């Protein structure tokens, strides 16, 4: 399975508010983007109060923890799935920095494609790293620039001249909340406002709605948006310097279906994917089902276009996150997470719709579950093209030798996973999903918008810090 990205959330108010509670509910709405760890830093009149922990938002932020965090005017929060750096406490965000000109806290979604190069330069200049994530590299560069700049937003603008790759940032200083999106706009970021005037920034619009806000707009690719004593100010000097390249997999899998990203409703995009699949890969069947959760909307689109009835054929255990580890290694985790609805699939020709196939192991087990439940045929349809290349911008795809489509053709994959037939969404259809806007499809095509790094392992910095774990 492809894992989620990260989720970032920020709060800015001219007067003290329940910033920690707002951040908690915002992260709760973004939980789908990361389930390894989470953190909230509240700014109470220039003093930073922090709580970070491994686990789900509801596990890390109990009622007792939340009541100990003070009211404040500003907060920054993060929920993490690590695509760079191991899963450990030291990598939990937001990152907090104290320097000669003040304090800073930073939450980041995305991966830098030049992270290794920048890290080498910083270490040779004397920098000492405590984490294995790209976020600390960004924090170092912004801090260096801040020592030579008149404001934190000026420092961030200068840092953006050095950073390459994907970064949607929410940065907090003693007086300001600052949002920034890389010039390609790989990762989503938007902002809105509550009825009391409090500003909210978040990875997805669903988080703004969750705390009772209205969405104002998306942060533009390359834009720096500052909330501070002087109001809301937009710096667009980096806008238009690069072609827009929003990750198209946000529409296929990452984002919640009730979110709107860059003006395009995620649910609309997924329905469209299913419709295209039905037109390009038709099949005679009795029922269409989706793999929860991101396959459901595409399955509905397939059903409407094909006229084959849609039904719920798989039930997801809602109390198990993606980080679930079975206490007995002999147990099939797919069976624990998903259960077939026997009466819906027994003696039926089933169309099974899912968002992707990575290694083929998970979908193979799902197909086996359906056959055990009595399905006569299983025809798999995938609402994304085949994964052929690693991603350098935040998606957890880091080696071609792990991708089943890299060494098997479609019919061979179908045989491997046990499907009667298999159909992928064609690359040419991605433009319809993204609403005609610019997007990144490098994991499908190999057409990378930035320079490609040499070492792409998720834990590529881990060796340098392994001694700290002893």
Protein backbone atom coordinates (compact mmCIF):
# COMPACT_ATOMS: atom_id res chain seq x y z
CA UNK A 1 0.00 0.00 0.00
CA UNK A 2 1.03 3.58 -0.64
CA UNK A 3 1.24 5.50 2.60
CA UNK A 4 -0.11 8.96 3.26
CA UNK A 5 1.75 12.23 3.24
CA UNK A 6 1.80 14.56 6.22
CA UNK A 7 -0.75 17.10 7.37
CA UNK A 8 0.00 20.66 8.52
CA UNK A 9 -2.28 23.04 10.40
CA UNK A 10 -1.93 26.59 11.72
CA UNK A 11 -3.91 29.08 13.80
CA UNK A 12 -3.57 32.87 13.97
CA UNK A 13 -5.74 35.21 16.02
CA UNK A 14 -5.43 38.79 17.18
CA UNK A 15 -6.63 37.74 20.63
CA UNK A 16 -6.11 34.59 22.74
CA UNK A 17 -8.23 31.63 21.64
CA UNK A 18 -8.36 27.90 22.35
CA UNK A 19 -5.56 27.38 19.85
CA UNK A 20 -4.65 23.91 21.08
CA UNK A 21 -8.23 22.67 20.74
CA UNK A 22 -8.50 24.12 17.24
CA UNK A 23 -5.22 22.47 16.27
CA UNK A 24 -6.36 19.16 17.78
CA UNK A 25 -9.57 19.08 15.72
CA UNK A 26 -7.69 20.25 12.65
CA UNK A 27 -5.17 17.42 12.98
CA UNK A 28 -8.02 14.99 13.63
CA UNK A 29 -9.49 15.96 10.25
CA UNK A 30 -6.05 15.44 8.66
CA UNK A 31 -5.37 12.10 10.38
CA UNK A 32 -5.64 10.27 7.05
CA UNK A 33 -2.44 12.03 5.91
CA UNK A 34 -0.28 10.61 8.67
CA UNK A 35 -0.67 8.17 11.54
CA UNK A 36 2.84 7.74 12.92
CA UNK A 37 3.12 10.81 15.12
CA UNK A 38 1.72 14.27 15.74
CA UNK A 39 2.51 17.50 17.55
CA UNK A 40 1.12 20.90 18.50
CA UNK A 41 3.04 24.03 19.56
CA UNK A 42 1.02 26.89 21.05
CA UNK A 43 2.37 30.46 21.16
CA UNK A 44 1.21 32.24 24.31
CA UNK A 45 2.51 35.83 24.14
CA UNK A 46 5.84 34.72 22.68
CA UNK A 47 6.26 31.64 24.88
CA UNK A 48 6.07 28.29 23.06
CA UNK A 49 4.29 25.36 24.72
CA UNK A 50 4.83 22.00 23.01
CA UNK A 51 3.40 18.51 23.08
CA UNK A 52 4.50 15.84 20.60
CA UNK A 53 4.13 12.08 20.68
CA UNK A 54 4.00 8.93 18.58
CA UNK A 55 0.61 7.53 17.62
CA UNK A 56 -2.75 8.85 16.50
CA UNK A 57 -3.98 12.33 17.35
CA UNK A 58 -6.57 10.98 19.80
CA UNK A 59 -3.87 8.90 21.53
CA UNK A 60 -1.27 11.65 21.78
CA UNK A 61 -3.66 14.43 22.84
CA UNK A 62 -5.75 13.23 25.72
CA UNK A 63 -8.06 15.58 27.57
CA UNK A 64 -5.43 15.97 30.28
CA UNK A 65 -2.76 16.96 27.73
CA UNK A 66 -5.01 19.48 26.01
CA UNK A 67 -6.03 21.17 29.26
CA UNK A 68 -2.36 21.72 30.12
CA UNK A 69 -1.71 23.61 26.88
CA UNK A 70 -2.55 27.31 27.35
CA UNK A 71 -4.77 29.56 25.32
CA UNK A 72 -2.77 31.44 22.73
CA UNK A 73 -2.97 33.60 19.64
CA UNK A 74 -0.91 31.37 17.35
CA UNK A 75 -0.35 27.64 16.95
CA UNK A 76 1.26 25.28 14.48
CA UNK A 77 0.54 21.54 14.28
CA UNK A 78 1.55 18.49 12.29
CA UNK A 79 0.56 14.87 11.78
CA UNK A 80 3.20 12.69 10.21
CA UNK A 81 3.78 9.78 7.96
CA UNK A 82 7.52 9.78 7.36
CA UNK A 83 8.69 9.42 3.77
CA UNK A 84 12.17 10.56 4.76
CA UNK A 85 13.63 9.54 8.10
CA UNK A 86 12.74 6.71 10.41
CA UNK A 87 9.67 6.54 12.62
CA UNK A 88 11.01 7.82 15.93
CA UNK A 89 10.39 10.54 18.47
CA UNK A 90 13.19 12.72 17.19
CA UNK A 91 11.42 13.13 13.84
CA UNK A 92 8.10 14.29 15.28
CA UNK A 93 7.08 17.73 14.05
CA UNK A 94 6.68 20.66 14.39
CA UNK A 95 10.40 21.42 14.78
CA UNK A 96 11.22 24.20 17.23
CA UNK A 97 14.27 26.43 16.84
CA UNK A 98 15.72 29.03 19.22
CA UNK A 99 18.18 31.48 17.69
CA UNK A 100 19.68 34.90 18.28
CA UNK A 101 16.74 36.75 16.71
CA UNK A 102 13.99 34.80 18.41
CA UNK A 103 12.05 31.57 18.15
CA UNK A 104 10.59 29.62 15.28
CA UNK A 105 8.44 26.49 14.91
CA UNK A 106 8.07 24.75 11.57
CA UNK A 107 5.71 22.09 10.16
CA UNK A 108 6.38 20.68 6.70
CA UNK A 109 4.63 18.46 4.17
CA UNK A 110 6.69 17.14 1.27
CA UNK A 111 10.23 16.08 0.43
CA UNK A 112 13.17 18.14 -0.81
CA UNK A 113 14.76 16.66 -3.90
CA UNK A 114 18.10 18.34 -3.02
CA UNK A 115 17.95 17.49 0.70
CA UNK A 116 21.11 15.34 0.72
CA UNK A 117 23.16 18.02 -1.02
CA UNK A 118 21.93 20.74 1.34
CA UNK A 119 22.50 18.58 4.39
CA UNK A 120 26.08 17.84 3.34
CA UNK A 121 26.76 21.57 2.89
CA UNK A 122 25.27 22.38 6.30
CA UNK A 123 27.20 19.64 8.09
CA UNK A 124 30.47 20.76 6.49
CA UNK A 125 29.77 24.26 7.80
CA UNK A 126 29.34 22.94 11.33
CA UNK A 127 25.64 22.19 11.59
CA UNK A 128 24.68 19.33 13.92
CA UNK A 129 21.48 17.50 13.01
CA UNK A 130 19.23 15.85 15.57
CA UNK A 131 16.65 14.36 13.17
CA UNK A 132 16.67 12.47 9.89
CA UNK A 133 13.91 14.49 8.21
CA UNK A 134 14.10 17.14 5.49
CA UNK A 135 12.28 19.54 7.80
CA UNK A 136 15.35 20.18 9.94
CA UNK A 137 17.30 21.07 6.81
CA UNK A 138 14.66 23.68 5.94
CA UNK A 139 14.76 25.01 9.51
CA UNK A 140 18.55 25.40 9.38
CA UNK A 141 18.49 27.29 6.09
CA UNK A 142 15.67 29.60 7.18
CA UNK A 143 17.51 30.29 10.45
CA UNK A 144 20.75 31.09 8.63
CA UNK A 145 18.91 33.54 6.40
CA UNK A 146 17.03 35.03 9.36
CA UNK A 147 20.30 36.08 10.99
CA UNK A 148 21.00 38.17 7.89
CA UNK A 149 17.45 39.40 7.20
CA UNK A 150 15.14 42.04 8.62
CA UNK A 151 12.12 39.72 8.95
CA UNK A 152 11.23 36.04 9.11
CA UNK A 153 9.31 36.21 5.83
CA UNK A 154 12.31 37.78 4.09
CA UNK A 155 14.46 34.93 5.44
CA UNK A 156 11.97 32.36 4.15
CA UNK A 157 11.91 34.00 0.73
CA UNK A 158 15.71 33.81 0.52
CA UNK A 159 15.64 30.19 1.67
CA UNK A 160 13.24 29.34 -1.14
CA UNK A 161 15.98 30.25 -3.61
CA UNK A 162 17.91 27.26 -2.25
CA UNK A 163 15.19 24.67 -1.62
CA UNK A 164 14.16 22.31 -4.42
CA UNK A 165 11.29 19.85 -4.44
CA UNK A 166 8.07 19.69 -2.48
CA UNK A 167 7.35 21.80 0.58
CA UNK A 168 4.13 23.17 1.94
CA UNK A 169 5.17 24.93 5.13
CA UNK A 170 3.52 26.53 8.12
CA UNK A 171 6.01 28.53 10.16
CA UNK A 172 5.40 30.29 13.48
CA UNK A 173 7.49 33.06 15.01
CA UNK A 174 6.82 35.01 18.20
CA UNK A 175 4.40 37.35 16.40
CA UNK A 176 3.50 35.78 13.05
CA UNK A 177 2.16 32.72 11.29
CA UNK A 178 3.62 32.25 7.81
CA UNK A 179 2.54 29.82 5.09
CA UNK A 180 4.61 28.94 2.04
CA UNK A 181 4.16 26.60 -0.90
CA UNK A 182 6.96 25.57 -3.24
CA UNK A 183 6.94 27.17 -6.73
CA UNK A 184 5.76 23.92 -8.34
CA UNK A 185 2.90 23.56 -5.83
CA UNK A 186 3.53 19.85 -5.37
CA UNK A 187 1.60 19.68 -2.09
CA UNK A 188 -1.72 21.33 -1.21
CA UNK A 189 -2.10 24.21 1.24
CA UNK A 190 -5.05 26.54 1.83
CA UNK A 191 -6.37 29.01 4.36
CA UNK A 192 -9.68 30.20 5.74
CA UNK A 193 -11.29 32.07 8.58
CA UNK A 194 -13.54 31.38 11.56
CA UNK A 195 -16.58 33.56 12.35
CA UNK A 196 -14.61 35.27 15.16
CA UNK A 197 -11.89 36.37 12.72
CA UNK A 198 -9.33 33.67 13.57
CA UNK A 199 -7.34 32.56 10.54
CA UNK A 200 -6.75 28.88 9.83
CA UNK A 201 -4.20 27.34 7.46
CA UNK A 202 -4.27 23.65 6.57
CA UNK A 203 -3.14 21.01 4.11
CA UNK A 204 -6.74 20.40 3.07
CA UNK A 205 -9.99 22.33 3.09
CA UNK A 206 -11.68 19.56 5.10
CA UNK A 207 -9.68 20.61 8.17
CA UNK A 208 -10.86 24.21 7.89
CA UNK A 209 -14.46 23.05 7.67
CA UNK A 210 -13.92 20.70 10.63
CA UNK A 211 -13.19 23.63 12.98
CA UNK A 212 -16.14 25.68 11.69
CA UNK A 213 -14.28 27.88 9.23
CA UNK A 214 -14.88 28.96 5.67
CA UNK A 215 -12.22 28.43 3.05
CA UNK A 216 -10.86 31.63 1.51
CA UNK A 217 -8.51 30.18 -1.08
CA UNK A 218 -5.52 27.93 -1.80
CA UNK A 219 -2.02 29.25 -1.21
CA UNK A 220 -0.53 29.84 -4.66
CA UNK A 221 2.50 27.83 -5.80
CA UNK A 222 5.50 29.92 -4.76
CA UNK A 223 3.47 32.21 -2.49
CA UNK A 224 4.44 33.30 1.03
CA UNK A 225 1.39 34.35 3.04
CA UNK A 226 1.96 36.12 6.38
CA UNK A 227 -0.55 36.57 9.18
CA UNK A 228 0.71 39.16 11.64
CA UNK A 229 0.14 42.45 13.47
CA UNK A 230 0.00 44.22 10.08
CA UNK A 231 -2.78 41.94 8.81
CA UNK A 232 -2.56 39.39 6.01
CA UNK A 233 0.19 40.00 3.47
CA UNK A 234 1.02 38.03 0.33
CA UNK A 235 4.50 37.80 -1.20
CA UNK A 236 4.34 36.37 -4.71
CA UNK A 237 7.89 36.98 -5.92
CA UNK A 238 8.43 33.22 -6.35
CA UNK A 239 5.09 32.65 -8.11
CA UNK A 240 5.22 31.76 -11.78
CA UNK A 241 8.91 30.84 -11.70
CA UNK A 242 8.13 27.16 -12.27
CA UNK A 243 5.36 25.25 -13.99
CA UNK A 244 2.64 24.07 -11.65
CA UNK A 245 3.07 20.41 -10.69
CA UNK A 246 0.50 19.44 -8.06
CA UNK A 247 0.86 15.75 -7.19
CA UNK A 248 -1.99 14.11 -9.09
CA UNK A 249 -2.06 11.33 -6.50
CA UNK A 250 -3.65 13.82 -4.10
CA UNK A 251 -6.81 13.44 -6.19
CA UNK A 252 -6.47 9.68 -6.55
CA UNK A 253 -5.61 8.71 -2.98
CA UNK A 254 -4.06 11.10 -0.45
CA UNK A 255 -6.74 13.74 0.11
CA UNK A 256 -10.06 13.25 1.83
CA UNK A 257 -12.95 13.03 -0.67
CA UNK A 258 -14.69 16.08 0.84
CA UNK A 259 -11.65 18.31 0.23
CA UNK A 260 -11.24 20.74 -2.65
CA UNK A 261 -7.67 21.21 -3.87
CA UNK A 262 -6.76 24.05 -6.20
CA UNK A 263 -10.41 24.44 -7.12
CA UNK A 264 -10.96 20.78 -7.97
CA UNK A 265 -13.20 18.61 -5.75
CA UNK A 266 -11.42 15.37 -4.84
CA UNK A 267 -14.62 13.33 -5.00
CA UNK A 268 -15.32 14.64 -8.52
CA UNK A 269 -11.86 13.57 -9.65
CA UNK A 270 -12.27 10.07 -8.24
CA UNK A 271 -15.70 9.64 -9.78
CA UNK A 272 -14.22 10.71 -13.11
CA UNK A 273 -11.46 8.10 -12.77
CA UNK A 274 -14.07 5.39 -12.30
CA UNK A 275 -16.06 6.59 -15.29
CA UNK A 276 -12.97 6.53 -17.49
CA UNK A 277 -12.10 3.03 -16.31
CA UNK A 278 -15.59 1.81 -17.23
CA UNK A 279 -15.29 3.29 -20.72
CA UNK A 280 -11.76 2.05 -21.43
CA UNK A 281 -11.91 -1.31 -19.63
CA UNK A 282 -15.53 -2.51 -19.83
CA UNK A 283 -16.46 -5.91 -18.47
CA UNK A 284 -19.57 -8.01 -17.97
CA UNK A 285 -20.19 -8.27 -14.24
CA UNK A 286 -22.91 -8.36 -11.60
CA UNK A 287 -21.59 -5.93 -9.01
CA UNK A 288 -19.03 -3.13 -8.54
CA UNK A 289 -17.29 -2.71 -5.19
CA UNK A 290 -14.50 -0.44 -3.99
CA UNK A 291 -11.60 -0.99 -1.61
CA UNK A 292 -12.17 1.34 1.37
CA UNK A 293 -11.66 4.20 1.53
CA UNK A 294 -10.10 5.80 -1.54
CA UNK A 295 -11.48 3.21 -3.97
CA UNK A 296 -15.12 3.85 -3.10
CA UNK A 297 -15.75 7.00 -5.14
CA UNK A 298 -14.02 5.56 -8.19
CA UNK A 299 -16.16 2.43 -7.83
CA UNK A 300 -19.31 4.60 -7.80
CA UNK A 301 -18.14 6.32 -10.96
CA UNK A 302 -17.49 2.97 -12.62
CA UNK A 303 -20.96 1.79 -11.61
CA UNK A 304 -22.74 4.87 -12.98
CA UNK A 305 -20.91 4.75 -16.29
CA UNK A 306 -21.22 0.97 -16.78
CA UNK A 307 -24.72 0.50 -15.38
CA UNK A 308 -23.45 -2.34 -13.17
CA UNK A 309 -24.94 -2.03 -9.65
CA UNK A 310 -22.69 -0.64 -6.93
CA UNK A 311 -22.60 -2.29 -3.52
CA UNK A 312 -20.52 -2.34 -0.37
CA UNK A 313 -18.54 -5.54 -0.73
CA UNK A 314 -15.72 -4.90 1.75
CA UNK A 315 -15.97 -3.62 5.32
CA UNK A 316 -13.00 -1.81 6.83
CA UNK A 317 -12.19 -2.13 10.52
CA UNK A 318 -12.33 1.54 11.51
CA UNK A 319 -10.39 0.97 14.72
CA UNK A 320 -7.18 -0.15 13.04
CA UNK A 321 -4.83 2.42 11.56
CA UNK A 322 -2.33 1.82 8.81
CA UNK A 323 0.44 1.44 11.39
CA UNK A 324 -1.32 -1.58 12.97
CA UNK A 325 1.04 -4.45 13.80
CA UNK A 326 -0.43 -7.88 14.48
CA UNK A 327 0.81 -9.41 17.76
CA UNK A 328 1.09 -12.78 16.02
CA UNK A 329 3.11 -12.61 12.81
CA UNK A 330 1.17 -15.58 11.38
CA UNK A 331 -2.06 -13.56 11.22
CA UNK A 332 -3.09 -12.09 7.85
CA UNK A 333 -3.33 -8.37 8.53
CA UNK A 334 -5.52 -7.84 5.46
CA UNK A 335 -8.14 -10.14 7.00
CA UNK A 336 -8.03 -8.12 10.20
CA UNK A 337 -8.37 -4.79 8.38
CA UNK A 338 -10.91 -5.83 5.73
CA UNK A 339 -13.80 -8.28 5.67
CA UNK A 340 -15.88 -9.26 2.63
CA UNK A 341 -19.66 -8.92 2.72
CA UNK A 342 -20.38 -12.52 1.81
CA UNK A 343 -24.01 -12.04 0.76
CA UNK A 344 -23.02 -9.21 -1.58
CA UNK A 345 -20.30 -11.09 -3.48
CA UNK A 346 -21.30 -14.77 -3.31
CA UNK A 347 -21.82 -16.25 -6.78
CA UNK A 348 -21.24 -12.81 -8.33
CA UNK A 349 -18.95 -11.54 -11.05
CA UNK A 350 -17.26 -8.73 -9.13
CA UNK A 351 -15.55 -5.57 -10.38
CA UNK A 352 -13.06 -4.56 -7.68
CA UNK A 353 -11.87 -0.93 -7.83
CA UNK A 354 -8.80 0.27 -5.94
CA UNK A 355 -6.57 3.34 -6.13
CA UNK A 356 -3.25 1.64 -6.94
CA UNK A 357 -1.14 -1.50 -7.08
CA UNK A 358 2.35 -1.20 -5.64
CA UNK A 359 3.87 -4.60 -4.90
CA UNK A 360 0.70 -6.56 -5.56
CA UNK A 361 0.64 -8.35 -2.22
CA UNK A 362 -2.27 -6.48 -0.61
CA UNK A 363 -4.59 -6.57 -3.62
CA UNK A 364 -3.75 -10.24 -4.10
CA UNK A 365 -4.93 -10.97 -0.57
CA UNK A 366 -8.10 -8.92 -1.07
CA UNK A 367 -8.93 -10.85 -4.22
CA UNK A 368 -8.32 -14.10 -2.34
CA UNK A 369 -10.74 -12.92 0.37
CA UNK A 370 -13.42 -12.28 -2.24
CA UNK A 371 -12.94 -15.72 -3.78
CA UNK A 372 -13.11 -17.34 -0.34
CA UNK A 373 -16.41 -15.48 0.12
CA UNK A 374 -17.75 -17.11 -3.04
CA UNK A 375 -17.10 -14.57 -5.81
CA UNK A 376 -17.23 -16.32 -9.20
CA UNK A 377 -15.01 -13.79 -10.96
CA UNK A 378 -12.94 -10.81 -9.81
CA UNK A 379 -12.10 -8.11 -12.36
CA UNK A 380 -9.75 -5.52 -10.92
CA UNK A 381 -9.76 -1.89 -12.06
CA UNK A 382 -7.20 0.61 -10.80
CA UNK A 383 -7.92 4.35 -10.69
CA UNK A 384 -4.24 5.22 -11.31
CA UNK A 385 -1.72 4.27 -13.98
CA UNK A 386 0.95 1.65 -13.15
CA UNK A 387 3.67 2.82 -10.75
CA UNK A 388 6.98 2.60 -12.60
CA UNK A 389 9.29 5.11 -10.92
CA UNK A 390 10.23 6.34 -7.45
CA UNK A 391 8.85 9.60 -6.06
CA UNK A 392 11.12 12.32 -4.67
CA UNK A 393 8.39 14.68 -3.50
CA UNK A 394 6.77 12.98 -0.52
CA UNK A 395 5.04 9.81 -1.72
CA UNK A 396 6.35 6.61 -0.16
CA UNK A 397 7.70 5.06 -3.38
CA UNK A 398 11.46 4.81 -3.08
CA UNK A 399 12.74 1.95 -5.25
CA UNK A 400 11.76 0.65 -8.68
CA UNK A 401 12.62 -2.94 -7.82
CA UNK A 402 9.69 -3.00 -5.36
CA UNK A 403 7.12 -1.99 -7.99
CA UNK A 404 5.31 -4.93 -9.58
CA UNK A 405 4.55 -3.01 -12.79
CA UNK A 406 8.27 -2.46 -13.32
CA UNK A 407 8.93 -6.11 -14.15
CA UNK A 408 5.55 -7.62 -15.09
CA UNK A 409 3.08 -6.64 -17.83
CA UNK A 410 -0.64 -6.21 -17.19
CA UNK A 411 -1.66 -9.79 -17.93
CA UNK A 412 1.21 -11.12 -15.80
CA UNK A 413 0.17 -8.86 -12.91
CA UNK A 414 -3.42 -10.06 -13.23
CA UNK A 415 -2.23 -13.66 -12.97
CA UNK A 416 0.05 -12.82 -10.06
CA UNK A 417 -2.69 -11.17 -7.99
CA UNK A 418 -5.36 -13.70 -8.97
CA UNK A 419 -7.63 -11.37 -10.97
CA UNK A 420 -9.61 -12.57 -13.99
CA UNK A 421 -8.86 -9.29 -15.75
CA UNK A 422 -6.99 -6.10 -14.84
CA UNK A 423 -7.31 -2.56 -16.16
CA UNK A 424 -5.37 0.57 -15.20
CA UNK A 425 -6.26 4.21 -15.71
CA UNK A 426 -4.27 5.47 -18.71
CA UNK A 427 -1.72 8.24 -18.13
CA UNK A 428 -3.54 10.38 -20.70
CA UNK A 429 -6.60 10.48 -18.44
CA UNK A 430 -4.77 12.18 -15.54
CA UNK A 431 -5.40 15.61 -17.02
CA UNK A 432 -9.14 15.09 -16.63
CA UNK A 433 -8.68 14.18 -12.97
CA UNK A 434 -6.69 17.35 -12.31
CA UNK A 435 -9.19 19.52 -14.14
CA UNK A 436 -6.70 20.48 -16.82
CA UNK A 437 -4.33 22.08 -14.30
CA UNK A 438 -0.60 21.36 -14.23
CA UNK A 439 0.28 18.24 -12.25
CA UNK A 440 3.14 15.88 -11.46
CA UNK A 441 2.91 12.34 -12.85
CA UNK A 442 6.58 11.39 -12.45
CA UNK A 443 5.86 8.17 -10.53
CA UNK A 444 3.96 6.96 -13.60
CA UNK A 445 6.01 8.50 -16.43
CA UNK A 446 9.47 9.29 -15.06
CA UNK A 447 9.10 12.93 -16.15
CA UNK A 448 10.54 14.67 -13.09
CA UNK A 449 10.10 18.43 -12.70
CA UNK A 450 13.34 18.79 -10.69
CA UNK A 451 16.83 17.34 -10.62
CA UNK A 452 16.73 13.68 -9.56
CA UNK A 453 18.78 12.82 -6.44
CA UNK A 454 20.99 9.77 -6.33
CA UNK A 455 20.05 8.24 -2.97
CA UNK A 456 16.29 7.92 -2.58
CA UNK A 457 15.95 5.51 0.35
CA UNK A 458 13.39 6.60 2.91
CA UNK A 459 16.04 6.26 5.68
CA UNK A 460 18.87 7.79 3.65
CA UNK A 461 20.12 9.89 6.58
CA UNK A 462 19.64 7.20 9.22
CA UNK A 463 23.20 5.85 9.23
CA UNK A 464 24.57 9.22 10.36
CA UNK A 465 22.38 9.25 13.46
CA UNK A 466 22.32 5.56 14.34
CA UNK A 467 24.77 6.10 17.20
CA UNK A 468 22.20 8.33 18.93
CA UNK A 469 19.90 5.33 19.39
CA UNK A 470 22.51 3.31 21.36
